[in-house]
PDB file of N, CA and C in Angstrom:
ATOM      1  N   MET A   1       7.606  11.650 -14.624  1.00  0.00           N
ATOM      2  CA  MET A   1       6.743  12.578 -13.915  1.00  0.00           C
ATOM      3  C   MET A   1       5.890  13.317 -14.930  1.00  0.00           C
ATOM      4  N   ILE A   2       4.605  13.410 -14.621  1.00  0.00           N
ATOM      5  CA  ILE A   2       3.703  14.145 -15.504  1.00  0.00           C
ATOM      6  C   ILE A   2       2.757  14.985 -14.653  1.00  0.00           C
ATOM      7  N   TRP A   3       2.494  16.195 -15.134  1.00  0.00           N
ATOM      8  CA  TRP A   3       1.599  17.127 -14.459  1.00  0.00           C
ATOM      9  C   TRP A   3       0.345  17.296 -15.298  1.00  0.00           C
ATOM     10  N   PHE A   4      -0.801  17.250 -14.639  1.00  0.00           N
ATOM     11  CA  PHE A   4      -2.083  17.502 -15.288  1.00  0.00           C
ATOM     12  C   PHE A   4      -2.697  18.736 -14.641  1.00  0.00           C
ATOM     13  N   ALA A   5      -3.069  19.714 -15.450  1.00  0.00           N
ATOM     14  CA  ALA A   5      -3.838  20.857 -14.949  1.00  0.00           C
ATOM     15  C   ALA A   5      -5.316  20.528 -15.144  1.00  0.00           C
ATOM     16  N   PHE A   6      -6.139  20.898 -14.174  1.00  0.00           N
ATOM     17  CA  PHE A   6      -7.575  20.664 -14.295  1.00  0.00           C
ATOM     18  C   PHE A   6      -8.321  21.785 -13.589  1.00  0.00           C
ATOM     19  N   THR A   7      -9.590  21.915 -13.916  1.00  0.00           N
ATOM     20  CA  THR A   7     -10.432  22.929 -13.287  1.00  0.00           C
ATOM     21  C   THR A   7     -11.495  22.231 -12.451  1.00  0.00           C
ATOM     22  N   PRO A   8     -11.370  22.313 -11.131  1.00  0.00           N
ATOM     23  CA  PRO A   8     -12.390  21.678 -10.284  1.00  0.00           C
ATOM     24  C   PRO A   8     -13.731  22.388 -10.416  1.00  0.00           C
ATOM     25  N   CYS A   9     -14.796  21.607 -10.376  1.00  0.00           N
ATOM     26  CA  CYS A   9     -16.156  22.149 -10.411  1.00  0.00           C
ATOM     27  C   CYS A   9     -16.753  22.210  -9.015  1.00  0.00           C
ATOM     28  N   ASP A  10     -16.048  21.692  -8.054  1.00  0.00           N
ATOM     29  CA  ASP A  10     -16.517  21.601  -6.673  1.00  0.00           C
ATOM     30  C   ASP A  10     -15.302  21.774  -5.771  1.00  0.00           C
ATOM     31  N   SER A  11     -15.527  22.000  -4.504  1.00  0.00           N
ATOM     32  CA  SER A  11     -14.412  22.144  -3.579  1.00  0.00           C
ATOM     33  C   SER A  11     -13.740  20.805  -3.283  1.00  0.00           C
ATOM     34  N   THR A  12     -14.454  19.707  -3.483  1.00  0.00           N
ATOM     35  CA  THR A  12     -13.883  18.375  -3.255  1.00  0.00           C
ATOM     36  C   THR A  12     -13.647  17.674  -4.578  1.00  0.00           C
ATOM     37  N   VAL A  13     -12.422  17.181  -4.753  1.00  0.00           N
ATOM     38  CA  VAL A  13     -12.057  16.403  -5.933  1.00  0.00           C
ATOM     39  C   VAL A  13     -11.536  15.056  -5.450  1.00  0.00           C
ATOM     40  N   THR A  14     -12.054  13.988  -6.039  1.00  0.00           N
ATOM     41  CA  THR A  14     -11.577  12.636  -5.762  1.00  0.00           C
ATOM     42  C   THR A  14     -11.241  11.954  -7.073  1.00  0.00           C
ATOM     43  N   LEU A  15     -10.033  11.429  -7.162  1.00  0.00           N
ATOM     44  CA  LEU A  15      -9.580  10.703  -8.329  1.00  0.00           C
ATOM     45  C   LEU A  15      -9.201   9.289  -7.911  1.00  0.00           C
ATOM     46  N   ARG A  16      -9.502   8.322  -8.742  1.00  0.00           N
ATOM     47  CA  ARG A  16      -9.106   6.930  -8.503  1.00  0.00           C
ATOM     48  C   ARG A  16      -8.019   6.600  -9.526  1.00  0.00           C
ATOM     49  N   ILE A  17      -6.868   6.188  -9.030  1.00  0.00           N
ATOM     50  CA  ILE A  17      -5.720   5.911  -9.888  1.00  0.00           C
ATOM     51  C   ILE A  17      -5.368   4.433  -9.761  1.00  0.00           C
ATOM     52  N   THR A  18      -5.202   3.794 -10.898  1.00  0.00           N
ATOM     53  CA  THR A  18      -4.871   2.372 -10.920  1.00  0.00           C
ATOM     54  C   THR A  18      -3.538   2.171 -11.634  1.00  0.00           C
ATOM     55  N   PRO A  19      -2.480   1.883 -10.884  1.00  0.00           N
ATOM     56  CA  PRO A  19      -1.194   1.581 -11.517  1.00  0.00           C
ATOM     57  C   PRO A  19      -1.168   0.137 -12.034  1.00  0.00           C
ATOM     58  N   SER A  20      -0.365  -0.100 -13.068  1.00  0.00           N
ATOM     59  CA  SER A  20      -0.189  -1.459 -13.595  1.00  0.00           C
ATOM     60  C   SER A  20       1.156  -1.540 -14.311  1.00  0.00           C
ATOM     61  N   ASN A  21       1.628  -2.749 -14.502  1.00  0.00           N
ATOM     62  CA  ASN A  21       2.858  -3.005 -15.263  1.00  0.00           C
ATOM     63  C   ASN A  21       4.060  -2.204 -14.772  1.00  0.00           C
ATOM     64  N   CYS A  22       4.219  -2.077 -13.468  1.00  0.00           N
ATOM     65  CA  CYS A  22       5.361  -1.334 -12.927  1.00  0.00           C
ATOM     66  C   CYS A  22       6.645  -2.127 -13.153  1.00  0.00           C
ATOM     67  N   SER A  23       7.707  -1.435 -13.599  1.00  0.00           N
ATOM     68  CA  SER A  23       8.931  -2.111 -14.011  1.00  0.00           C
ATOM     69  C   SER A  23       9.778  -2.625 -12.845  1.00  0.00           C
ATOM     70  N   ASN A  24       9.731  -1.978 -11.672  1.00  0.00           N
ATOM     71  CA  ASN A  24      10.564  -2.461 -10.567  1.00  0.00           C
ATOM     72  C   ASN A  24       9.812  -2.548  -9.230  1.00  0.00           C
ATOM     73  N   ALA A  25       8.495  -2.606  -9.293  1.00  0.00           N
ATOM     74  CA  ALA A  25       7.637  -2.849  -8.125  1.00  0.00           C
ATOM     75  C   ALA A  25       7.774  -1.818  -7.003  1.00  0.00           C
ATOM     76  N   LYS A  26       8.115  -0.597  -7.371  1.00  0.00           N
ATOM     77  CA  LYS A  26       8.122   0.499  -6.383  1.00  0.00           C
ATOM     78  C   LYS A  26       6.812   1.278  -6.420  1.00  0.00           C
ATOM     79  N   GLY A  27       6.082   1.193  -7.533  1.00  0.00           N
ATOM     80  CA  GLY A  27       4.781   1.849  -7.639  1.00  0.00           C
ATOM     81  C   GLY A  27       4.878   3.299  -8.066  1.00  0.00           C
ATOM     82  N   ILE A  28       3.759   3.993  -7.885  1.00  0.00           N
ATOM     83  CA  ILE A  28       3.719   5.408  -8.260  1.00  0.00           C
ATOM     84  C   ILE A  28       3.416   6.268  -7.044  1.00  0.00           C
ATOM     85  N   GLN A  29       3.764   7.517  -7.186  1.00  0.00           N
ATOM     86  CA  GLN A  29       3.393   8.520  -6.196  1.00  0.00           C
ATOM     87  C   GLN A  29       2.566   9.581  -6.912  1.00  0.00           C
ATOM     88  N   ALA A  30       1.660  10.209  -6.177  1.00  0.00           N
ATOM     89  CA  ALA A  30       0.773  11.198  -6.782  1.00  0.00           C
ATOM     90  C   ALA A  30       0.480  12.295  -5.772  1.00  0.00           C
ATOM     91  N   GLY A  31       0.170  13.488  -6.274  1.00  0.00           N
ATOM     92  CA  GLY A  31      -0.171  14.600  -5.402  1.00  0.00           C
ATOM     93  C   GLY A  31      -1.159  15.537  -6.062  1.00  0.00           C
ATOM     94  N   LEU A  32      -2.011  16.147  -5.257  1.00  0.00           N
ATOM     95  CA  LEU A  32      -2.942  17.182  -5.709  1.00  0.00           C
ATOM     96  C   LEU A  32      -2.460  18.521  -5.179  1.00  0.00           C
ATOM     97  N   TYR A  33      -2.444  19.514  -6.041  1.00  0.00           N
ATOM     98  CA  TYR A  33      -1.994  20.853  -5.685  1.00  0.00           C
ATOM     99  C   TYR A  33      -3.107  21.841  -5.981  1.00  0.00           C
ATOM    100  N   LYS A  34      -3.335  22.772  -5.068  1.00  0.00           N
ATOM    101  CA  LYS A  34      -4.395  23.753  -5.293  1.00  0.00           C
ATOM    102  C   LYS A  34      -3.928  24.925  -6.142  1.00  0.00           C
ATOM    103  N   ARG A  35      -2.610  25.114  -6.249  1.00  0.00           N
ATOM    104  CA  ARG A  35      -2.102  26.206  -7.078  1.00  0.00           C
ATOM    105  C   ARG A  35      -0.612  26.018  -7.288  1.00  0.00           C
ATOM    106  N   CYS A  36      -0.069  26.801  -8.200  1.00  0.00           N
ATOM    107  CA  CYS A  36       1.374  26.909  -8.401  1.00  0.00           C
ATOM    108  C   CYS A  36       1.721  28.382  -8.349  1.00  0.00           C
ATOM    109  N   GLY A  37       2.794  28.720  -7.694  1.00  0.00           N
ATOM    110  CA  GLY A  37       3.232  30.115  -7.641  1.00  0.00           C
ATOM    111  C   GLY A  37       3.801  30.548  -8.974  1.00  0.00           C
ATOM    112  N   GLN A  38       3.908  31.829  -9.185  1.00  0.00           N
ATOM    113  CA  GLN A  38       4.435  32.384 -10.432  1.00  0.00           C
ATOM    114  C   GLN A  38       5.862  31.926 -10.701  1.00  0.00           C
ATOM    115  N   SER A  39       6.606  31.610  -9.658  1.00  0.00           N
ATOM    116  CA  SER A  39       8.011  31.246  -9.841  1.00  0.00           C
ATOM    117  C   SER A  39       8.200  29.798 -10.277  1.00  0.00           C
ATOM    118  N   HIS A  40       7.145  29.034 -10.365  1.00  0.00           N
ATOM    119  CA  HIS A  40       7.262  27.625 -10.735  1.00  0.00           C
ATOM    120  C   HIS A  40       7.012  27.451 -12.221  1.00  0.00           C
ATOM    121  N   SER A  41       8.084  27.425 -12.994  1.00  0.00           N
ATOM    122  CA  SER A  41       7.919  27.365 -14.449  1.00  0.00           C
ATOM    123  C   SER A  41       7.688  25.950 -14.962  1.00  0.00           C
ATOM    124  N   VAL A  42       8.092  24.929 -14.209  1.00  0.00           N
ATOM    125  CA  VAL A  42       7.951  23.564 -14.684  1.00  0.00           C
ATOM    126  C   VAL A  42       6.988  22.763 -13.820  1.00  0.00           C
ATOM    127  N   ALA A  43       7.060  22.917 -12.523  1.00  0.00           N
ATOM    128  CA  ALA A  43       6.233  22.104 -11.628  1.00  0.00           C
ATOM    129  C   ALA A  43       5.989  22.837 -10.320  1.00  0.00           C
ATOM    130  N   CYS A  44       4.901  22.495  -9.659  1.00  0.00           N
ATOM    131  CA  CYS A  44       4.615  23.048  -8.341  1.00  0.00           C
ATOM    132  C   CYS A  44       5.595  22.452  -7.332  1.00  0.00           C
ATOM    133  N   SER A  45       5.933  23.216  -6.330  1.00  0.00           N
ATOM    134  CA  SER A  45       6.774  22.659  -5.267  1.00  0.00           C
ATOM    135  C   SER A  45       6.243  23.060  -3.897  1.00  0.00           C
ATOM    136  N   GLU A  46       5.062  23.631  -3.864  1.00  0.00           N
ATOM    137  CA  GLU A  46       4.469  24.050  -2.599  1.00  0.00           C
ATOM    138  C   GLU A  46       2.981  23.721  -2.601  1.00  0.00           C
ATOM    139  N   ASP A  47       2.405  23.745  -1.436  1.00  0.00           N
ATOM    140  CA  ASP A  47       0.959  23.595  -1.285  1.00  0.00           C
ATOM    141  C   ASP A  47       0.406  22.255  -1.742  1.00  0.00           C
ATOM    142  N   VAL A  48       1.161  21.158  -1.547  1.00  0.00           N
ATOM    143  CA  VAL A  48       0.574  19.854  -1.846  1.00  0.00           C
ATOM    144  C   VAL A  48      -0.538  19.620  -0.833  1.00  0.00           C
ATOM    145  N   GLN A  49      -1.698  19.234  -1.320  1.00  0.00           N
ATOM    146  CA  GLN A  49      -2.868  19.108  -0.459  1.00  0.00           C
ATOM    147  C   GLN A  49      -3.174  17.659  -0.105  1.00  0.00           C
ATOM    148  N   ALA A  50      -2.811  16.755  -0.973  1.00  0.00           N
ATOM    149  CA  ALA A  50      -3.030  15.331  -0.725  1.00  0.00           C
ATOM    150  C   ALA A  50      -1.956  14.589  -1.493  1.00  0.00           C
ATOM    151  N   SER A  51      -1.435  13.524  -0.928  1.00  0.00           N
ATOM    152  CA  SER A  51      -0.410  12.774  -1.641  1.00  0.00           C
ATOM    153  C   SER A  51      -0.414  11.310  -1.215  1.00  0.00           C
ATOM    154  N   VAL A  52       0.111  10.490  -2.090  1.00  0.00           N
ATOM    155  CA  VAL A  52       0.314   9.067  -1.812  1.00  0.00           C
ATOM    156  C   VAL A  52       1.702   8.705  -2.317  1.00  0.00           C
ATOM    157  N   ILE A  53       2.293   7.683  -1.715  1.00  0.00           N
ATOM    158  CA  ILE A  53       3.657   7.287  -2.077  1.00  0.00           C
ATOM    159  C   ILE A  53       3.720   5.773  -2.251  1.00  0.00           C
ATOM    160  N   GLY A  54       4.326   5.334  -3.345  1.00  0.00           N
ATOM    161  CA  GLY A  54       4.630   3.931  -3.563  1.00  0.00           C
ATOM    162  C   GLY A  54       3.439   3.012  -3.678  1.00  0.00           C
ATOM    163  N   GLN A  55       2.430   3.406  -4.424  1.00  0.00           N
ATOM    164  CA  GLN A  55       1.231   2.576  -4.573  1.00  0.00           C
ATOM    165  C   GLN A  55       1.355   1.645  -5.774  1.00  0.00           C
ATOM    166  N   LEU A  56       1.049   0.370  -5.549  1.00  0.00           N
ATOM    167  CA  LEU A  56       1.049  -0.629  -6.613  1.00  0.00           C
ATOM    168  C   LEU A  56      -0.352  -1.099  -6.965  1.00  0.00           C
ATOM    169  N   THR A  57      -1.341  -0.739  -6.152  1.00  0.00           N
ATOM    170  CA  THR A  57      -2.719  -1.131  -6.386  1.00  0.00           C
ATOM    171  C   THR A  57      -3.592   0.123  -6.453  1.00  0.00           C
ATOM    172  N   THR A  58      -4.828  -0.048  -6.869  1.00  0.00           N
ATOM    173  CA  THR A  58      -5.759   1.068  -7.029  1.00  0.00           C
ATOM    174  C   THR A  58      -5.909   1.839  -5.722  1.00  0.00           C
ATOM    175  N   PHE A  59      -5.906   3.173  -5.834  1.00  0.00           N
ATOM    176  CA  PHE A  59      -6.080   4.033  -4.669  1.00  0.00           C
ATOM    177  C   PHE A  59      -6.868   5.273  -5.066  1.00  0.00           C
ATOM    178  N   ASP A  60      -7.501   5.885  -4.079  1.00  0.00           N
ATOM    179  CA  ASP A  60      -8.186   7.167  -4.264  1.00  0.00           C
ATOM    180  C   ASP A  60      -7.351   8.262  -3.637  1.00  0.00           C
ATOM    181  N   ILE A  61      -7.318   9.401  -4.303  1.00  0.00           N
ATOM    182  CA  ILE A  61      -6.683  10.592  -3.748  1.00  0.00           C
ATOM    183  C   ILE A  61      -7.740  11.691  -3.778  1.00  0.00           C
ATOM    184  N   THR A  62      -7.898  12.393  -2.648  1.00  0.00           N
ATOM    185  CA  THR A  62      -8.973  13.382  -2.543  1.00  0.00           C
ATOM    186  C   THR A  62      -8.524  14.563  -1.701  1.00  0.00           C
ATOM    187  N   TRP A  63      -9.110  15.704  -1.966  1.00  0.00           N
ATOM    188  CA  TRP A  63      -8.917  16.885  -1.128  1.00  0.00           C
ATOM    189  C   TRP A  63     -10.176  17.728  -1.229  1.00  0.00           C
ATOM    190  N   ASP A  64     -10.524  18.414  -0.137  1.00  0.00           N
ATOM    191  CA  ASP A  64     -11.800  19.135  -0.089  1.00  0.00           C
ATOM    192  C   ASP A  64     -11.661  20.649   0.033  1.00  0.00           C
ATOM    193  N   GLY A  65     -10.543  21.208  -0.377  1.00  0.00           N
ATOM    194  CA  GLY A  65     -10.346  22.649  -0.249  1.00  0.00           C
ATOM    195  C   GLY A  65     -10.098  23.383  -1.546  1.00  0.00           C
ATOM    196  N   PHE A  66     -10.440  22.785  -2.677  1.00  0.00           N
ATOM    197  CA  PHE A  66     -10.234  23.457  -3.958  1.00  0.00           C
ATOM    198  C   PHE A  66     -11.209  24.620  -4.125  1.00  0.00           C
ATOM    199  N   VAL A  67     -10.819  25.580  -4.945  1.00  0.00           N
ATOM    200  CA  VAL A  67     -11.693  26.694  -5.300  1.00  0.00           C
ATOM    201  C   VAL A  67     -12.275  26.376  -6.678  1.00  0.00           C
ATOM    202  N   PRO A  68     -13.583  26.140  -6.773  1.00  0.00           N
ATOM    203  CA  PRO A  68     -14.180  25.820  -8.070  1.00  0.00           C
ATOM    204  C   PRO A  68     -13.856  26.894  -9.108  1.00  0.00           C
ATOM    205  N   GLY A  69     -13.448  26.456 -10.290  1.00  0.00           N
ATOM    206  CA  GLY A  69     -13.121  27.369 -11.376  1.00  0.00           C
ATOM    207  C   GLY A  69     -11.682  27.829 -11.399  1.00  0.00           C
ATOM    208  N   ARG A  70     -10.908  27.562 -10.360  1.00  0.00           N
ATOM    209  CA  ARG A  70      -9.501  27.961 -10.314  1.00  0.00           C
ATOM    210  C   ARG A  70      -8.623  26.757 -10.650  1.00  0.00           C
ATOM    211  N   THR A  71      -7.689  26.933 -11.563  1.00  0.00           N
ATOM    212  CA  THR A  71      -6.842  25.834 -12.018  1.00  0.00           C
ATOM    213  C   THR A  71      -6.125  25.156 -10.855  1.00  0.00           C
ATOM    214  N   ALA A  72      -6.142  23.829 -10.873  1.00  0.00           N
ATOM    215  CA  ALA A  72      -5.456  23.005  -9.883  1.00  0.00           C
ATOM    216  C   ALA A  72      -4.606  21.981 -10.644  1.00  0.00           C
ATOM    217  N   TYR A  73      -3.833  21.175  -9.905  1.00  0.00           N
ATOM    218  CA  TYR A  73      -2.875  20.299 -10.565  1.00  0.00           C
ATOM    219  C   TYR A  73      -2.805  18.930  -9.899  1.00  0.00           C
ATOM    220  N   LEU A  74      -2.572  17.910 -10.735  1.00  0.00           N
ATOM    221  CA  LEU A  74      -2.302  16.550 -10.292  1.00  0.00           C
ATOM    222  C   LEU A  74      -0.940  16.169 -10.842  1.00  0.00           C
ATOM    223  N   VAL A  75      -0.085  15.610 -10.001  1.00  0.00           N
ATOM    224  CA  VAL A  75       1.194  15.080 -10.461  1.00  0.00           C
ATOM    225  C   VAL A  75       1.200  13.575 -10.228  1.00  0.00           C
ATOM    226  N   ILE A  76       1.727  12.832 -11.200  1.00  0.00           N
ATOM    227  CA  ILE A  76       1.934  11.395 -11.075  1.00  0.00           C
ATOM    228  C   ILE A  76       3.378  11.116 -11.476  1.00  0.00           C
ATOM    229  N   ASP A  77       4.044  10.289 -10.656  1.00  0.00           N
ATOM    230  CA  ASP A  77       5.461  10.015 -10.874  1.00  0.00           C
ATOM    231  C   ASP A  77       5.761   8.585 -10.448  1.00  0.00           C
ATOM    232  N   GLY A  78       6.695   7.956 -11.114  1.00  0.00           N
ATOM    233  CA  GLY A  78       7.149   6.637 -10.692  1.00  0.00           C
ATOM    234  C   GLY A  78       7.977   6.762  -9.426  1.00  0.00           C
ATOM    235  N   MET A  79       7.686   5.951  -8.434  1.00  0.00           N
ATOM    236  CA  MET A  79       8.409   5.975  -7.164  1.00  0.00           C
ATOM    237  C   MET A  79       9.803   5.365  -7.357  1.00  0.00           C
ATOM    238  N   ALA A  80      10.827   6.085  -6.926  1.00  0.00           N
ATOM    239  CA  ALA A  80      12.216   5.604  -6.977  1.00  0.00           C
ATOM    240  C   ALA A  80      12.598   5.117  -8.378  1.00  0.00           C
ATOM    241  N   GLY A  81      12.166   5.856  -9.396  1.00  0.00           N
ATOM    242  CA  GLY A  81      12.515   5.534 -10.770  1.00  0.00           C
ATOM    243  C   GLY A  81      11.651   4.479 -11.434  1.00  0.00           C
ATOM    244  N   ASP A  82      10.608   4.020 -10.752  1.00  0.00           N
ATOM    245  CA  ASP A  82       9.729   3.018 -11.345  1.00  0.00           C
ATOM    246  C   ASP A  82       9.002   3.618 -12.550  1.00  0.00           C
ATOM    247  N   ILE A  83       8.710   2.793 -13.521  1.00  0.00           N
ATOM    248  CA  ILE A  83       7.946   3.188 -14.699  1.00  0.00           C
ATOM    249  C   ILE A  83       6.703   2.314 -14.729  1.00  0.00           C
ATOM    250  N   CYS A  84       5.534   2.943 -14.687  1.00  0.00           N
ATOM    251  CA  CYS A  84       4.271   2.217 -14.613  1.00  0.00           C
ATOM    252  C   CYS A  84       3.287   2.754 -15.640  1.00  0.00           C
ATOM    253  N   ASP A  85       2.388   1.898 -16.077  1.00  0.00           N
ATOM    254  CA  ASP A  85       1.184   2.346 -16.759  1.00  0.00           C
ATOM    255  C   ASP A  85       0.196   2.717 -15.654  1.00  0.00           C
ATOM    256  N   TYR A  86      -0.821   3.504 -15.990  1.00  0.00           N
ATOM    257  CA  TYR A  86      -1.846   3.837 -14.995  1.00  0.00           C
ATOM    258  C   TYR A  86      -3.080   4.354 -15.707  1.00  0.00           C
ATOM    259  N   SER A  87      -4.186   4.275 -15.004  1.00  0.00           N
ATOM    260  CA  SER A  87      -5.417   4.898 -15.484  1.00  0.00           C
ATOM    261  C   SER A  87      -5.927   5.813 -14.380  1.00  0.00           C
ATOM    262  N   ILE A  88      -6.656   6.838 -14.790  1.00  0.00           N
ATOM    263  CA  ILE A  88      -7.225   7.807 -13.851  1.00  0.00           C
ATOM    264  C   ILE A  88      -8.728   7.850 -14.086  1.00  0.00           C
ATOM    265  N   GLU A  89      -9.481   7.691 -13.018  1.00  0.00           N
ATOM    266  CA  GLU A  89     -10.939   7.793 -13.086  1.00  0.00           C
ATOM    267  C   GLU A  89     -11.381   8.941 -12.186  1.00  0.00           C
ATOM    268  N   VAL A  90     -12.181   9.847 -12.724  1.00  0.00           N
ATOM    269  CA  VAL A  90     -12.722  10.940 -11.916  1.00  0.00           C
ATOM    270  C   VAL A  90     -13.915  10.403 -11.129  1.00  0.00           C
ATOM    271  N   ILE A  91     -13.837  10.486  -9.825  1.00  0.00           N
ATOM    272  CA  ILE A  91     -14.915  10.043  -8.951  1.00  0.00           C
ATOM    273  C   ILE A  91     -15.824  11.214  -8.597  1.00  0.00           C
ATOM    274  N   ASP A  92     -15.223  12.373  -8.333  1.00  0.00           N
ATOM    275  CA  ASP A  92     -16.009  13.520  -7.870  1.00  0.00           C
ATOM    276  C   ASP A  92     -15.250  14.807  -8.123  1.00  0.00           C
ATOM    277  N   GLY A  93     -15.970  15.877  -8.490  1.00  0.00           N
ATOM    278  CA  GLY A  93     -15.428  17.226  -8.495  1.00  0.00           C
ATOM    279  C   GLY A  93     -14.917  17.779  -9.797  1.00  0.00           C
ATOM    280  N   ILE A  94     -14.900  16.976 -10.859  1.00  0.00           N
ATOM    281  CA  ILE A  94     -14.454  17.455 -12.167  1.00  0.00           C
ATOM    282  C   ILE A  94     -15.484  17.008 -13.197  1.00  0.00           C
ATOM    283  N   ASP A  95     -15.949  17.939 -14.024  1.00  0.00           N
ATOM    284  CA  ASP A  95     -16.919  17.616 -15.061  1.00  0.00           C
ATOM    285  C   ASP A  95     -16.169  17.050 -16.266  1.00  0.00           C
ATOM    286  N   THR A  96     -16.434  15.809 -16.603  1.00  0.00           N
ATOM    287  CA  THR A  96     -15.745  15.168 -17.731  1.00  0.00           C
ATOM    288  C   THR A  96     -16.637  15.024 -18.963  1.00  0.00           C
ATOM    289  N   SER A  97     -17.813  15.637 -18.938  1.00  0.00           N
ATOM    290  CA  SER A  97     -18.670  15.556 -20.117  1.00  0.00           C
ATOM    291  C   SER A  97     -18.052  16.367 -21.260  1.00  0.00           C
ATOM    292  N   PRO A  98     -18.296  15.953 -22.503  1.00  0.00           N
ATOM    293  CA  PRO A  98     -17.710  16.663 -23.651  1.00  0.00           C
ATOM    294  C   PRO A  98     -18.144  18.133 -23.668  1.00  0.00           C
ATOM    295  N   ALA A  99     -17.241  18.978 -24.097  1.00  0.00           N
ATOM    296  CA  ALA A  99     -17.553  20.404 -24.206  1.00  0.00           C
ATOM    297  C   ALA A  99     -18.616  20.618 -25.267  1.00  0.00           C
ATOM    298  N   GLN A 100     -19.494  21.570 -25.018  1.00  0.00           N
ATOM    299  CA  GLN A 100     -20.540  21.904 -25.961  1.00  0.00           C
ATOM    300  C   GLN A 100     -20.040  22.976 -26.922  1.00  0.00           C
ATOM    301  N   GLU A 101     -20.449  22.850 -28.187  1.00  0.00           N
ATOM    302  CA  GLU A 101     -20.070  23.844 -29.176  1.00  0.00           C
ATOM    303  C   GLU A 101     -20.727  25.175 -28.833  1.00  0.00           C
ATOM    304  N   VAL A 102     -19.978  26.250 -29.002  1.00  0.00           N
ATOM    305  CA  VAL A 102     -20.461  27.593 -28.692  1.00  0.00           C
ATOM    306  C   VAL A 102     -20.743  28.337 -29.982  1.00  0.00           C
ATOM    307  N   ASN A 103     -21.897  29.015 -30.056  1.00  0.00           N
ATOM    308  CA  ASN A 103     -22.210  29.820 -31.244  1.00  0.00           C
ATOM    309  C   ASN A 103     -21.491  31.146 -31.156  1.00  0.00           C
TER     310      ASN A 103
END
């Protein structure tokens, strides 16, 4: 299980996730979270906004209620103990251009 924090630039975020090389063909599960409460020291456990379960092929995950500029979270986990490689492509809502140097 891995958590990614990100800052949405728009209210809608769409990510394309491509699993590969899964060890036991259960696939991956993923979720988008709009926030984590103060009591969550390791992972969010509330407010999942979009989720998928047991995907072995490319899928999109999207939600349209993010607050631009407020930290949000993506979790990716192997389904039922599966271990997979994966790639993530930002389709919409997150600026991936390199940061500009500040004077």
